[in-house]
C-alpha atoms as a PDB file:
ATOM      1  CA  MET A   1    -102.502  71.880 -35.321  1.00  0.00           C
ATOM      2  CA  TYR A   2    -100.587  68.914 -33.434  1.00  0.00           C
ATOM      3  CA  GLY A   3    -102.199  70.191 -29.919  1.00  0.00           C
ATOM      4  CA  VAL A   4    -105.826  69.563 -31.174  1.00  0.00           C
ATOM      5  CA  GLN A   5    -105.130  66.100 -32.621  1.00  0.00           C
ATOM      6  CA  ASN A   6    -103.291  65.046 -29.505  1.00  0.00           C
ATOM      7  CA  ALA A   7    -106.390  66.348 -27.470  1.00  0.00           C
ATOM      8  CA  VAL A   8    -108.739  64.379 -29.699  1.00  0.00           C
ATOM      9  CA  ALA A   9    -106.650  61.491 -29.382  1.00  0.00           C
ATOM     10  CA  GLY A  10    -106.364  61.660 -25.682  1.00  0.00           C
ATOM     11  CA  LEU A  11    -110.315  61.936 -25.330  1.00  0.00           C
ATOM     12  CA  ARG A  12    -110.890  59.077 -27.533  1.00  0.00           C
ATOM     13  CA  ARG A  13    -108.287  57.021 -25.279  1.00  0.00           C
ATOM     14  CA  ALA A  14    -110.564  58.157 -22.189  1.00  0.00           C
ATOM     15  CA  GLU A  15    -113.642  57.376 -23.697  1.00  0.00           C
ATOM     16  CA  ARG A  16    -112.233  53.473 -24.677  1.00  0.00           C
ATOM     17  CA  GLU A  17    -111.198  53.569 -20.783  1.00  0.00           C
ATOM     18  CA  VAL A  18    -114.608  54.469 -19.761  1.00  0.00           C
ATOM     19  CA  VAL A  19    -116.723  52.497 -22.151  1.00  0.00           C
ATOM     20  CA  ALA A  20    -114.274  49.286 -20.582  1.00  0.00           C
ATOM     21  CA  GLN A  21    -115.079  50.262 -17.123  1.00  0.00           C
ATOM     22  CA  LEU A  22    -118.964  50.576 -17.751  1.00  0.00           C
ATOM     23  CA  ALA A  23    -118.878  47.250 -19.544  1.00  0.00           C
ATOM     24  CA  GLY A  24    -117.306  45.685 -16.153  1.00  0.00           C
ATOM     25  CA  ILE A  25    -119.713  47.388 -14.075  1.00  0.00           C
ATOM     26  CA  ARG A  26    -122.714  45.919 -16.159  1.00  0.00           C
ATOM     27  CA  VAL A  27    -121.139  42.365 -16.028  1.00  0.00           C
ATOM     28  CA  ALA A  28    -120.796  42.717 -12.191  1.00  0.00           C
ATOM     29  CA  LEU A  29    -124.276  43.859 -11.654  1.00  0.00           C
ATOM     30  CA  SER A  30    -125.733  41.328 -13.973  1.00  0.00           C
ATOM     31  CA  ALA A  31    -123.767  38.659 -11.937  1.00  0.00           C
ATOM     32  CA  LEU A  32    -125.177  39.763  -8.949  1.00  0.00           C
ATOM     33  CA  ALA A  33    -128.526  40.187 -10.005  1.00  0.00           C
ATOM     34  CA  GLY A  34    -128.407  36.581 -11.658  1.00  0.00           C
ATOM     35  CA  SER A  35    -127.129  34.964  -8.491  1.00  0.00           C
ATOM     36  CA  SER A  36    -129.916  36.082  -6.197  1.00  0.00           C
ATOM     37  CA  ALA A  37    -132.721  34.932  -8.599  1.00  0.00           C
ATOM     38  CA  ARG A  38    -130.741  31.595  -9.120  1.00  0.00           C
ATOM     39  CA  THR A  39    -130.534  30.402  -5.617  1.00  0.00           C
ATOM     40  CA  GLY A  40    -134.077  31.500  -4.419  1.00  0.00           C
ATOM     41  CA  GLY A  41    -133.107  31.364  -0.827  1.00  0.00           C
ATOM     42  CA  PRO A  42    -133.215  28.666   1.689  1.00  0.00           C
ATOM     43  CA  GLY A  43    -135.566  25.689   1.382  1.00  0.00           C
ATOM     44  CA  ARG A  44    -136.792  23.498  -1.213  1.00  0.00           C
ATOM     45  CA  PRO A  45    -137.131  24.611  -4.539  1.00  0.00           C
ATOM     46  CA  ALA A  46    -140.837  25.550  -5.863  1.00  0.00           C
ATOM     47  CA  GLY A  47    -142.523  22.509  -6.933  1.00  0.00           C
ATOM     48  CA  SER A  48    -140.573  20.055  -4.883  1.00  0.00           C
ATOM     49  CA  LYS A  49    -142.024  16.694  -4.611  1.00  0.00           C
ATOM     50  CA  ASN A  50    -140.349  15.594  -1.431  1.00  0.00           C
ATOM     51  CA  LYS A  51    -142.101  16.407   1.704  1.00  0.00           C
ATOM     52  CA  PRO A  52    -140.140  17.397   4.822  1.00  0.00           C
ATOM     53  CA  ALA A  53    -139.657  14.513   7.302  1.00  0.00           C
ATOM     54  CA  VAL A  54    -142.410  14.893  10.148  1.00  0.00           C
ATOM     55  CA  ARG A  55    -141.105  14.224  13.460  1.00  0.00           C
ATOM     56  CA  LYS A  56    -142.947  11.987  15.904  1.00  0.00           C
ATOM     57  CA  ARG A  57    -143.950  13.661  19.171  1.00  0.00           C
ATOM     58  CA  ARG A  58    -142.279  11.995  22.175  1.00  0.00           C
ATOM     59  CA  ARG A  59    -144.762  11.296  24.726  1.00  0.00           C
ATOM     60  CA  LEU A  60    -144.343  10.803  28.423  1.00  0.00           C
ATOM     61  CA  SER A  61    -146.202   8.386  30.479  1.00  0.00           C
ATOM     62  CA  ALA A  62    -148.745   9.206  33.076  1.00  0.00           C
ATOM     63  CA  LYS A  63    -146.250   8.040  35.563  1.00  0.00           C
ATOM     64  CA  ALA A  64    -143.457  10.440  34.241  1.00  0.00           C
ATOM     65  CA  ARG A  65    -145.734  13.143  34.067  1.00  0.00           C
ATOM     66  CA  ALA A  66    -146.710  12.544  37.828  1.00  0.00           C
ATOM     67  CA  ALA A  67    -142.951  12.601  38.794  1.00  0.00           C
ATOM     68  CA  ILE A  68    -142.160  15.758  36.908  1.00  0.00           C
ATOM     69  CA  SER A  69    -145.231  17.527  38.608  1.00  0.00           C
ATOM     70  CA  ALA A  70    -144.149  16.118  42.043  1.00  0.00           C
ATOM     71  CA  ALA A  71    -141.015  17.461  41.584  1.00  0.00           C
ATOM     72  CA  GLN A  72    -141.838  20.792  40.480  1.00  0.00           C
ATOM     73  CA  LYS A  73    -144.252  21.055  43.182  1.00  0.00           C
ATOM     74  CA  ALA A  74    -141.362  20.300  45.700  1.00  0.00           C
ATOM     75  CA  ARG A  75    -139.301  22.879  44.211  1.00  0.00           C
ATOM     76  CA  TRP A  76    -142.001  25.590  44.631  1.00  0.00           C
ATOM     77  CA  ALA A  77    -142.775  24.559  48.180  1.00  0.00           C
ATOM     78  CA  LYS A  78    -139.085  24.890  48.754  1.00  0.00           C
ATOM     79  CA  VAL A  79    -139.146  28.575  47.213  1.00  0.00           C
ATOM     80  CA  LYS A  80    -142.391  29.548  49.213  1.00  0.00           C
ATOM     81  CA  LYS A  81    -140.878  28.235  52.593  1.00  0.00           C
ATOM     82  CA  SER A  82    -137.539  30.072  52.557  1.00  0.00           C
ATOM     83  CA  ALA A  83    -139.329  33.458  51.311  1.00  0.00           C
END
C-alpha cells in the first residue's frame, strides 16, 4: 500500500517540477517575443516628426575639377607609356 502511495507522491512532485519548468519557458518565450516587438529595429520610430538631416553636397570648382582631370590624364599617360 505504501509503495503505491510513494509512487503517486513521487509523480505529483515530478508534475510540479515540470509545471514550474514550463512556466519558466513561457516567461522566457514571452520576454523574447516582446523584446523584438518593443525595439522595432534600427531607425526612427514610426510616425516620427523629425526628419533626417539633409547633407549638403560638396561642390568642386571648375578649376579643381580641371586639376584633378589633368592629374588623372597624366597618370594614365604614364601607365600607357610604360606598357
